[in-house]
């Protein structure tokens, strides 16, 4: 899979916009990365639509999950 420099630049701009619109989120992610990315941690996600429908799921992190999440964090920087 080739890396498209233009797509990477667009993604960087989108991440910057996301951070500007949600300024508390990066601090949250940083805290989770520092304290909670260990095997056995349960990550839960809840999505609520404007109509009130809810979608909830969770996963218990495996050692491989932790490694993947750390790799993704390194890639972003």
Protein backbone atom coordinates (compact mmCIF):
# COMPACT_ATOMS: atom_id res chain seq x y z
CA UNK A 1 0.00 0.00 0.00
CA UNK A 2 1.59 3.23 -1.18
CA UNK A 3 1.35 6.41 0.87
CA UNK A 4 -0.13 9.29 -1.07
CA UNK A 5 1.51 12.54 0.15
CA UNK A 6 -1.54 14.62 -0.81
CA UNK A 7 -3.87 12.34 1.16
CA UNK A 8 -1.49 12.50 4.15
CA UNK A 9 -1.54 16.31 3.96
CA UNK A 10 -5.37 16.33 3.80
CA UNK A 11 -5.53 13.98 6.78
CA UNK A 12 -3.21 16.25 8.75
CA UNK A 13 -5.46 19.22 7.99
CA UNK A 14 -8.56 17.26 9.04
CA UNK A 15 -6.90 16.19 12.32
CA UNK A 16 -5.97 19.82 13.01
CA UNK A 17 -9.58 20.89 12.40
CA UNK A 18 -10.89 18.06 14.60
CA UNK A 19 -8.55 19.13 17.41
CA UNK A 20 -9.65 22.75 17.08
CA UNK A 21 -13.33 21.75 17.23
CA UNK A 22 -12.83 19.29 20.12
CA UNK A 23 -9.97 20.73 22.20
CA UNK A 24 -10.43 18.40 25.21
CA UNK A 25 -10.15 15.22 23.14
CA UNK A 26 -6.35 15.25 22.60
CA UNK A 27 -5.75 15.60 26.35
CA UNK A 28 -8.11 12.69 26.97
CA UNK A 29 -6.29 10.52 24.44
CA UNK A 30 -2.92 11.50 25.92
CA UNK A 31 -4.08 10.52 29.43
CA UNK A 32 -5.48 7.19 28.21
CA UNK A 33 -2.24 6.46 26.33
CA UNK A 34 -0.19 7.23 29.44
CA UNK A 35 -2.28 5.33 31.99
CA UNK A 36 -4.75 2.89 30.47
CA UNK A 37 -3.38 1.15 27.37
CA UNK A 38 -2.57 -2.14 29.02
CA UNK A 39 -3.83 -5.66 28.38
CA UNK A 40 -7.12 -6.25 30.17
CA UNK A 41 -8.35 -2.66 29.88
CA UNK A 42 -11.92 -2.46 28.60
CA UNK A 43 -12.54 0.22 25.97
CA UNK A 44 -16.18 1.15 25.46
CA UNK A 45 -17.72 3.31 22.77
CA UNK A 46 -21.21 4.76 22.82
CA UNK A 47 -22.75 6.65 19.90
CA UNK A 48 -26.04 8.52 20.25
CA UNK A 49 -27.72 9.81 17.11
CA UNK A 50 -29.62 13.12 17.05
CA UNK A 51 -32.81 11.00 17.13
CA UNK A 52 -31.68 9.32 20.37
CA UNK A 53 -30.72 5.88 19.00
CA UNK A 54 -27.79 4.43 20.90
CA UNK A 55 -25.07 2.07 19.74
CA UNK A 56 -22.70 0.68 22.36
CA UNK A 57 -19.81 -1.76 22.12
CA UNK A 58 -16.71 -2.62 24.08
CA UNK A 59 -13.51 -4.61 23.77
CA UNK A 60 -11.05 -5.98 26.30
CA UNK A 61 -7.55 -5.07 25.10
CA UNK A 62 -5.16 -7.90 24.28
CA UNK A 63 -1.37 -7.44 24.20
CA UNK A 64 -1.64 -7.27 20.39
CA UNK A 65 -4.31 -4.54 20.63
CA UNK A 66 -2.06 -2.49 22.91
CA UNK A 67 0.83 -2.85 20.47
CA UNK A 68 -1.39 -1.83 17.54
CA UNK A 69 -2.72 1.25 19.37
CA UNK A 70 0.80 2.33 20.32
CA UNK A 71 1.92 1.86 16.70
CA UNK A 72 -1.01 3.97 15.47
CA UNK A 73 -0.05 6.70 17.94
CA UNK A 74 3.56 6.65 16.77
CA UNK A 75 2.45 6.83 13.12
CA UNK A 76 0.28 9.90 13.78
CA UNK A 77 3.17 11.85 15.29
